[in-house]
Amino acid sequence: MAMNLRLTEAETEALRAKAEQEGRSMQEVARTAISQYVADRPARLRAAIDRVQVEDAELLDRLSK
């Protein structure tokens, strides 16, 4: 499926630099980044939940009563 992705000049330059550094195309670097982001979502969600449980433990305890 084709898709247009609009990036700022700074994002384009960062992507170009990363692609050149790794000897890959900009498309390949972007697709890899998207795949990693999607795959890492469950871990990021779990970390956020854990952080809320720790930081708001007192409030959560009061709300449960």
PDB file of N, CA and C in Angstrom:
ATOM      1  N   MET A   1       0.835  -1.176   0.000  1.00  0.00           N
ATOM      2  CA  MET A   1       0.000   0.000   0.000  1.00  0.00           C
ATOM      3  C   MET A   1       0.881   1.242   0.000  1.00  0.00           C
ATOM      4  N   ALA A   2       0.594   2.149  -0.870  1.00  0.00           N
ATOM      5  CA  ALA A   2       1.353   3.398  -0.950  1.00  0.00           C
ATOM      6  C   ALA A   2       0.829   4.391   0.072  1.00  0.00           C
ATOM      7  N   MET A   3       1.742   5.245   0.562  1.00  0.00           N
ATOM      8  CA  MET A   3       1.361   6.237   1.558  1.00  0.00           C
ATOM      9  C   MET A   3       2.279   7.435   1.419  1.00  0.00           C
ATOM     10  N   ASN A   4       1.720   8.611   1.550  1.00  0.00           N
ATOM     11  CA  ASN A   4       2.529   9.828   1.587  1.00  0.00           C
ATOM     12  C   ASN A   4       2.753  10.205   3.033  1.00  0.00           C
ATOM     13  N   LEU A   5       3.982  10.533   3.368  1.00  0.00           N
ATOM     14  CA  LEU A   5       4.327  10.930   4.720  1.00  0.00           C
ATOM     15  C   LEU A   5       4.946  12.309   4.657  1.00  0.00           C
ATOM     16  N   ARG A   6       4.307  13.263   5.291  1.00  0.00           N
ATOM     17  CA  ARG A   6       4.814  14.630   5.286  1.00  0.00           C
ATOM     18  C   ARG A   6       5.664  14.856   6.532  1.00  0.00           C
ATOM     19  N   LEU A   7       6.904  15.217   6.313  1.00  0.00           N
ATOM     20  CA  LEU A   7       7.841  15.461   7.401  1.00  0.00           C
ATOM     21  C   LEU A   7       8.289  16.917   7.366  1.00  0.00           C
ATOM     22  N   THR A   8       8.695  17.411   8.525  1.00  0.00           N
ATOM     23  CA  THR A   8       9.300  18.740   8.561  1.00  0.00           C
ATOM     24  C   THR A   8      10.689  18.635   7.942  1.00  0.00           C
ATOM     25  N   GLU A   9      11.274  19.778   7.667  1.00  0.00           N
ATOM     26  CA  GLU A   9      12.640  19.756   7.121  1.00  0.00           C
ATOM     27  C   GLU A   9      13.607  19.103   8.095  1.00  0.00           C
ATOM     28  N   ALA A  10      13.424  19.381   9.383  1.00  0.00           N
ATOM     29  CA  ALA A  10      14.311  18.797  10.396  1.00  0.00           C
ATOM     30  C   ALA A  10      14.144  17.279  10.455  1.00  0.00           C
ATOM     31  N   GLU A  11      12.909  16.809  10.372  1.00  0.00           N
ATOM     32  CA  GLU A  11      12.664  15.360  10.388  1.00  0.00           C
ATOM     33  C   GLU A  11      13.251  14.701   9.152  1.00  0.00           C
ATOM     34  N   THR A  12      13.096  15.351   8.012  1.00  0.00           N
ATOM     35  CA  THR A  12      13.649  14.810   6.766  1.00  0.00           C
ATOM     36  C   THR A  12      15.161  14.723   6.846  1.00  0.00           C
ATOM     37  N   GLU A  13      15.786  15.755   7.363  1.00  0.00           N
ATOM     38  CA  GLU A  13      17.246  15.754   7.480  1.00  0.00           C
ATOM     39  C   GLU A  13      17.713  14.690   8.460  1.00  0.00           C
ATOM     40  N   ALA A  14      17.012  14.525   9.574  1.00  0.00           N
ATOM     41  CA  ALA A  14      17.378  13.492  10.544  1.00  0.00           C
ATOM     42  C   ALA A  14      17.235  12.105   9.930  1.00  0.00           C
ATOM     43  N   LEU A  15      16.163  11.888   9.190  1.00  0.00           N
ATOM     44  CA  LEU A  15      15.943  10.605   8.532  1.00  0.00           C
ATOM     45  C   LEU A  15      17.009  10.350   7.470  1.00  0.00           C
ATOM     46  N   ARG A  16      17.317  11.376   6.698  1.00  0.00           N
ATOM     47  CA  ARG A  16      18.350  11.250   5.663  1.00  0.00           C
ATOM     48  C   ARG A  16      19.706  10.920   6.285  1.00  0.00           C
ATOM     49  N   ALA A  17      20.041  11.616   7.364  1.00  0.00           N
ATOM     50  CA  ALA A  17      21.330  11.377   8.024  1.00  0.00           C
ATOM     51  C   ALA A  17      21.408   9.960   8.572  1.00  0.00           C
ATOM     52  N   LYS A  18      20.324   9.499   9.196  1.00  0.00           N
ATOM     53  CA  LYS A  18      20.305   8.135   9.747  1.00  0.00           C
ATOM     54  C   LYS A  18      20.447   7.104   8.635  1.00  0.00           C
ATOM     55  N   ALA A  19      19.728   7.320   7.537  1.00  0.00           N
ATOM     56  CA  ALA A  19      19.793   6.391   6.405  1.00  0.00           C
ATOM     57  C   ALA A  19      21.207   6.337   5.828  1.00  0.00           C
ATOM     58  N   GLU A  20      21.824   7.505   5.658  1.00  0.00           N
ATOM     59  CA  GLU A  20      23.194   7.540   5.128  1.00  0.00           C
ATOM     60  C   GLU A  20      24.161   6.866   6.089  1.00  0.00           C
ATOM     61  N   GLN A  21      23.989   7.122   7.378  1.00  0.00           N
ATOM     62  CA  GLN A  21      24.859   6.529   8.397  1.00  0.00           C
ATOM     63  C   GLN A  21      24.783   5.004   8.368  1.00  0.00           C
ATOM     64  N   GLU A  22      23.577   4.477   8.141  1.00  0.00           N
ATOM     65  CA  GLU A  22      23.376   3.029   8.158  1.00  0.00           C
ATOM     66  C   GLU A  22      23.492   2.395   6.776  1.00  0.00           C
ATOM     67  N   GLY A  23      23.657   3.207   5.744  1.00  0.00           N
ATOM     68  CA  GLY A  23      23.763   2.666   4.394  1.00  0.00           C
ATOM     69  C   GLY A  23      22.462   2.052   3.904  1.00  0.00           C
ATOM     70  N   ARG A  24      21.348   2.633   4.339  1.00  0.00           N
ATOM     71  CA  ARG A  24      20.036   2.135   3.937  1.00  0.00           C
ATOM     72  C   ARG A  24      19.226   3.280   3.341  1.00  0.00           C
ATOM     73  N   SER A  25      18.106   2.949   2.734  1.00  0.00           N
ATOM     74  CA  SER A  25      17.238   3.982   2.178  1.00  0.00           C
ATOM     75  C   SER A  25      16.439   4.640   3.289  1.00  0.00           C
ATOM     76  N   MET A  26      15.966   5.852   3.021  1.00  0.00           N
ATOM     77  CA  MET A  26      15.121   6.554   3.983  1.00  0.00           C
ATOM     78  C   MET A  26      13.848   5.755   4.238  1.00  0.00           C
ATOM     79  N   GLN A  27      13.310   5.156   3.187  1.00  0.00           N
ATOM     80  CA  GLN A  27      12.096   4.359   3.324  1.00  0.00           C
ATOM     81  C   GLN A  27      12.321   3.177   4.258  1.00  0.00           C
ATOM     82  N   GLU A  28      13.439   2.510   4.075  1.00  0.00           N
ATOM     83  CA  GLU A  28      13.733   1.346   4.911  1.00  0.00           C
ATOM     84  C   GLU A  28      13.896   1.746   6.383  1.00  0.00           C
ATOM     85  N   VAL A  29      14.571   2.854   6.635  1.00  0.00           N
ATOM     86  CA  VAL A  29      14.757   3.324   8.005  1.00  0.00           C
ATOM     87  C   VAL A  29      13.408   3.695   8.618  1.00  0.00           C
ATOM     88  N   ALA A  30      12.566   4.381   7.871  1.00  0.00           N
ATOM     89  CA  ALA A  30      11.248   4.782   8.375  1.00  0.00           C
ATOM     90  C   ALA A  30      10.376   3.559   8.653  1.00  0.00           C
ATOM     91  N   ARG A  31      10.364   2.604   7.744  1.00  0.00           N
ATOM     92  CA  ARG A  31       9.548   1.405   7.940  1.00  0.00           C
ATOM     93  C   ARG A  31      10.018   0.614   9.158  1.00  0.00           C
ATOM     94  N   THR A  32      11.328   0.519   9.355  1.00  0.00           N
ATOM     95  CA  THR A  32      11.868  -0.180  10.521  1.00  0.00           C
ATOM     96  C   THR A  32      11.454   0.535  11.801  1.00  0.00           C
ATOM     97  N   ALA A  33      11.533   1.858  11.801  1.00  0.00           N
ATOM     98  CA  ALA A  33      11.151   2.636  12.980  1.00  0.00           C
ATOM     99  C   ALA A  33       9.674   2.435  13.312  1.00  0.00           C
ATOM    100  N   ILE A  34       8.833   2.423  12.302  1.00  0.00           N
ATOM    101  CA  ILE A  34       7.395   2.212  12.521  1.00  0.00           C
ATOM    102  C   ILE A  34       7.156   0.814  13.070  1.00  0.00           C
ATOM    103  N   SER A  35       7.808  -0.177  12.512  1.00  0.00           N
ATOM    104  CA  SER A  35       7.647  -1.554  12.994  1.00  0.00           C
ATOM    105  C   SER A  35       8.064  -1.686  14.453  1.00  0.00           C
ATOM    106  N   GLN A  36       9.180  -1.077  14.810  1.00  0.00           N
ATOM    107  CA  GLN A  36       9.648  -1.137  16.197  1.00  0.00           C
ATOM    108  C   GLN A  36       8.688  -0.417  17.127  1.00  0.00           C
ATOM    109  N   TYR A  37       8.172   0.729  16.706  1.00  0.00           N
ATOM    110  CA  TYR A  37       7.231   1.487  17.527  1.00  0.00           C
ATOM    111  C   TYR A  37       5.978   0.665  17.797  1.00  0.00           C
ATOM    112  N   VAL A  38       5.436   0.044  16.774  1.00  0.00           N
ATOM    113  CA  VAL A  38       4.225  -0.759  16.923  1.00  0.00           C
ATOM    114  C   VAL A  38       4.492  -1.976  17.808  1.00  0.00           C
ATOM    115  N   ALA A  39       5.619  -2.624  17.619  1.00  0.00           N
ATOM    116  CA  ALA A  39       5.953  -3.816  18.401  1.00  0.00           C
ATOM    117  C   ALA A  39       6.212  -3.489  19.866  1.00  0.00           C
ATOM    118  N   ASP A  40       6.734  -2.289  20.146  1.00  0.00           N
ATOM    119  CA  ASP A  40       7.080  -1.905  21.512  1.00  0.00           C
ATOM    120  C   ASP A  40       5.891  -1.359  22.298  1.00  0.00           C
ATOM    121  N   ARG A  41       4.746  -1.190  21.664  1.00  0.00           N
ATOM    122  CA  ARG A  41       3.601  -0.573  22.340  1.00  0.00           C
ATOM    123  C   ARG A  41       3.193  -1.303  23.618  1.00  0.00           C
ATOM    124  N   PRO A  42       3.069  -2.619  23.620  1.00  0.00           N
ATOM    125  CA  PRO A  42       2.675  -3.290  24.871  1.00  0.00           C
ATOM    126  C   PRO A  42       3.642  -3.016  26.028  1.00  0.00           C
ATOM    127  N   ALA A  43       4.921  -2.969  25.741  1.00  0.00           N
ATOM    128  CA  ALA A  43       5.905  -2.701  26.796  1.00  0.00           C
ATOM    129  C   ALA A  43       5.790  -1.263  27.292  1.00  0.00           C
ATOM    130  N   ARG A  44       5.575  -0.310  26.389  1.00  0.00           N
ATOM    131  CA  ARG A  44       5.398   1.086  26.798  1.00  0.00           C
ATOM    132  C   ARG A  44       4.134   1.248  27.628  1.00  0.00           C
ATOM    133  N   LEU A  45       3.069   0.568  27.237  1.00  0.00           N
ATOM    134  CA  LEU A  45       1.808   0.634  27.981  1.00  0.00           C
ATOM    135  C   LEU A  45       1.995   0.059  29.383  1.00  0.00           C
ATOM    136  N   ARG A  46       2.642  -1.094  29.484  1.00  0.00           N
ATOM    137  CA  ARG A  46       2.890  -1.718  30.787  1.00  0.00           C
ATOM    138  C   ARG A  46       3.724  -0.796  31.666  1.00  0.00           C
ATOM    139  N   ALA A  47       4.741  -0.159  31.113  1.00  0.00           N
ATOM    140  CA  ALA A  47       5.592   0.759  31.871  1.00  0.00           C
ATOM    141  C   ALA A  47       4.791   1.959  32.367  1.00  0.00           C
ATOM    142  N   ALA A  48       3.894   2.466  31.547  1.00  0.00           N
ATOM    143  CA  ALA A  48       3.055   3.600  31.954  1.00  0.00           C
ATOM    144  C   ALA A  48       2.122   3.201  33.087  1.00  0.00           C
ATOM    145  N   ILE A  49       1.520   2.034  32.978  1.00  0.00           N
ATOM    146  CA  ILE A  49       0.627   1.545  34.034  1.00  0.00           C
ATOM    147  C   ILE A  49       1.409   1.363  35.336  1.00  0.00           C
ATOM    148  N   ASP A  50       2.574   0.762  35.249  1.00  0.00           N
ATOM    149  CA  ASP A  50       3.403   0.560  36.440  1.00  0.00           C
ATOM    150  C   ASP A  50       3.774   1.890  37.087  1.00  0.00           C
ATOM    151  N   ARG A  51       4.114   2.876  36.265  1.00  0.00           N
ATOM    152  CA  ARG A  51       4.483   4.201  36.770  1.00  0.00           C
ATOM    153  C   ARG A  51       3.301   4.847  37.503  1.00  0.00           C
ATOM    154  N   VAL A  52       2.112   4.755  36.936  1.00  0.00           N
ATOM    155  CA  VAL A  52       0.922   5.323  37.588  1.00  0.00           C
ATOM    156  C   VAL A  52       0.648   4.606  38.902  1.00  0.00           C
ATOM    157  N   GLN A  53       0.786   3.298  38.914  1.00  0.00           N
ATOM    158  CA  GLN A  53       0.542   2.542  40.153  1.00  0.00           C
ATOM    159  C   GLN A  53       1.495   2.974  41.266  1.00  0.00           C
ATOM    160  N   VAL A  54       2.737   3.267  40.919  1.00  0.00           N
ATOM    161  CA  VAL A  54       3.713   3.676  41.926  1.00  0.00           C
ATOM    162  C   VAL A  54       3.485   5.130  42.328  1.00  0.00           C
ATOM    163  N   GLU A  55       3.394   6.013  41.340  1.00  0.00           N
ATOM    164  CA  GLU A  55       3.296   7.439  41.626  1.00  0.00           C
ATOM    165  C   GLU A  55       1.967   7.822  42.279  1.00  0.00           C
ATOM    166  N   ASP A  56       0.907   7.114  41.964  1.00  0.00           N
ATOM    167  CA  ASP A  56      -0.416   7.457  42.477  1.00  0.00           C
ATOM    168  C   ASP A  56      -0.979   6.372  43.392  1.00  0.00           C
ATOM    169  N   ALA A  57      -0.107   5.640  44.058  1.00  0.00           N
ATOM    170  CA  ALA A  57      -0.544   4.527  44.903  1.00  0.00           C
ATOM    171  C   ALA A  57      -1.521   4.984  45.984  1.00  0.00           C
ATOM    172  N   GLU A  58      -1.224   6.096  46.640  1.00  0.00           N
ATOM    173  CA  GLU A  58      -2.099   6.580  47.706  1.00  0.00           C
ATOM    174  C   GLU A  58      -3.478   6.947  47.164  1.00  0.00           C
ATOM    175  N   LEU A  59      -3.522   7.656  46.070  1.00  0.00           N
ATOM    176  CA  LEU A  59      -4.798   8.043  45.467  1.00  0.00           C
ATOM    177  C   LEU A  59      -5.585   6.807  45.019  1.00  0.00           C
ATOM    178  N   LEU A  60      -4.912   5.867  44.383  1.00  0.00           N
ATOM    179  CA  LEU A  60      -5.590   4.645  43.934  1.00  0.00           C
ATOM    180  C   LEU A  60      -6.155   3.856  45.113  1.00  0.00           C
ATOM    181  N   ASP A  61      -5.420   3.847  46.209  1.00  0.00           N
ATOM    182  CA  ASP A  61      -5.897   3.164  47.403  1.00  0.00           C
ATOM    183  C   ASP A  61      -7.157   3.837  47.948  1.00  0.00           C
ATOM    184  N   ARG A  62      -7.146   5.166  48.028  1.00  0.00           N
ATOM    185  CA  ARG A  62      -8.338   5.890  48.518  1.00  0.00           C
ATOM    186  C   ARG A  62      -9.529   5.690  47.600  1.00  0.00           C
ATOM    187  N   LEU A  63      -9.306   5.670  46.295  1.00  0.00           N
ATOM    188  CA  LEU A  63     -10.394   5.491  45.334  1.00  0.00           C
ATOM    189  C   LEU A  63     -10.979   4.092  45.400  1.00  0.00           C
ATOM    190  N   SER A  64     -10.186   3.123  45.804  1.00  0.00           N
ATOM    191  CA  SER A  64     -10.685   1.737  45.840  1.00  0.00           C
ATOM    192  C   SER A  64     -11.583   1.479  47.038  1.00  0.00           C
ATOM    193  N   LYS A  65     -11.653   2.424  47.977  1.00  0.00           N
ATOM    194  CA  LYS A  65     -12.449   2.213  49.197  1.00  0.00           C
ATOM    195  C   LYS A  65     -13.794   2.886  49.105  1.00  0.00           C
TER     196      LYS A  65
END
